[in-house]
């Protein structure tokens, strides 16, 4: 079972260490192609402040 890359923010390290990674490129492309506007929000981690 692949490990989750908790605390890892370098994509090269994720690939080199065979961490779990979900590529959502196709999903985002399809979302952008929709004829209706979308609101995307991102939670801000309090530890990075």
C-alpha atoms as a PDB file:
ATOM      1  CA  UNK A   1       0.000   0.000   0.000  1.00  0.00           C
ATOM      2  CA  UNK A   2       1.344   3.421  -0.935  1.00  0.00           C
ATOM      3  CA  UNK A   3       1.946   5.978   1.782  1.00  0.00           C
ATOM      4  CA  UNK A   4       0.310   9.410   1.844  1.00  0.00           C
ATOM      5  CA  UNK A   5       2.716  12.316   1.305  1.00  0.00           C
ATOM      6  CA  UNK A   6       1.791  14.119   4.523  1.00  0.00           C
ATOM      7  CA  UNK A   7       3.916  17.250   4.877  1.00  0.00           C
ATOM      8  CA  UNK A   8       5.630  16.693   1.515  1.00  0.00           C
ATOM      9  CA  UNK A   9       5.221  19.609  -0.869  1.00  0.00           C
ATOM     10  CA  UNK A  10       7.821  18.662  -3.485  1.00  0.00           C
ATOM     11  CA  UNK A  11       6.387  16.710  -6.424  1.00  0.00           C
ATOM     12  CA  UNK A  12       9.778  15.179  -7.245  1.00  0.00           C
ATOM     13  CA  UNK A  13      10.003  13.725  -3.722  1.00  0.00           C
ATOM     14  CA  UNK A  14       6.472  12.320  -4.061  1.00  0.00           C
ATOM     15  CA  UNK A  15       7.452  10.548  -7.301  1.00  0.00           C
ATOM     16  CA  UNK A  16      10.849   9.347  -6.068  1.00  0.00           C
ATOM     17  CA  UNK A  17       9.448   7.831  -2.864  1.00  0.00           C
ATOM     18  CA  UNK A  18       6.388   6.308  -4.574  1.00  0.00           C
ATOM     19  CA  UNK A  19       3.861   8.161  -2.435  1.00  0.00           C
ATOM     20  CA  UNK A  20       0.152   8.089  -3.304  1.00  0.00           C
ATOM     21  CA  UNK A  21      -0.746  10.799  -5.823  1.00  0.00           C
ATOM     22  CA  UNK A  22      -4.118  11.499  -7.455  1.00  0.00           C
ATOM     23  CA  UNK A  23      -3.808  13.347 -10.754  1.00  0.00           C
ATOM     24  CA  UNK A  24      -6.847  15.601 -11.123  1.00  0.00           C
ATOM     25  CA  UNK A  25      -5.756  17.312 -14.340  1.00  0.00           C
ATOM     26  CA  UNK A  26      -8.575  15.814 -16.411  1.00  0.00           C
ATOM     27  CA  UNK A  27     -11.172  16.717 -13.779  1.00  0.00           C
ATOM     28  CA  UNK A  28     -10.011  20.345 -13.714  1.00  0.00           C
ATOM     29  CA  UNK A  29     -10.028  20.526 -17.512  1.00  0.00           C
ATOM     30  CA  UNK A  30     -13.617  19.282 -17.591  1.00  0.00           C
ATOM     31  CA  UNK A  31     -14.611  21.728 -14.844  1.00  0.00           C
ATOM     32  CA  UNK A  32     -13.156  24.676 -16.768  1.00  0.00           C
ATOM     33  CA  UNK A  33     -14.954  23.616 -19.932  1.00  0.00           C
ATOM     34  CA  UNK A  34     -18.391  23.793 -18.272  1.00  0.00           C
ATOM     35  CA  UNK A  35     -20.549  26.693 -19.498  1.00  0.00           C
ATOM     36  CA  UNK A  36     -21.430  27.769 -15.945  1.00  0.00           C
ATOM     37  CA  UNK A  37     -19.128  29.656 -13.551  1.00  0.00           C
ATOM     38  CA  UNK A  38     -17.548  27.749 -10.676  1.00  0.00           C
ATOM     39  CA  UNK A  39     -16.304  28.967  -7.322  1.00  0.00           C
ATOM     40  CA  UNK A  40     -13.173  27.168  -6.161  1.00  0.00           C
ATOM     41  CA  UNK A  41     -11.987  27.755  -2.638  1.00  0.00           C
ATOM     42  CA  UNK A  42      -8.965  26.473  -0.774  1.00  0.00           C
ATOM     43  CA  UNK A  43      -8.690  25.947   2.942  1.00  0.00           C
ATOM     44  CA  UNK A  44      -5.733  27.740   4.444  1.00  0.00           C
ATOM     45  CA  UNK A  45      -3.717  25.668   6.880  1.00  0.00           C
ATOM     46  CA  UNK A  46      -3.180  27.606  10.092  1.00  0.00           C
ATOM     47  CA  UNK A  47       0.307  26.079  10.482  1.00  0.00           C
ATOM     48  CA  UNK A  48       1.555  27.878   7.372  1.00  0.00           C
ATOM     49  CA  UNK A  49       0.622  31.326   8.633  1.00  0.00           C
END
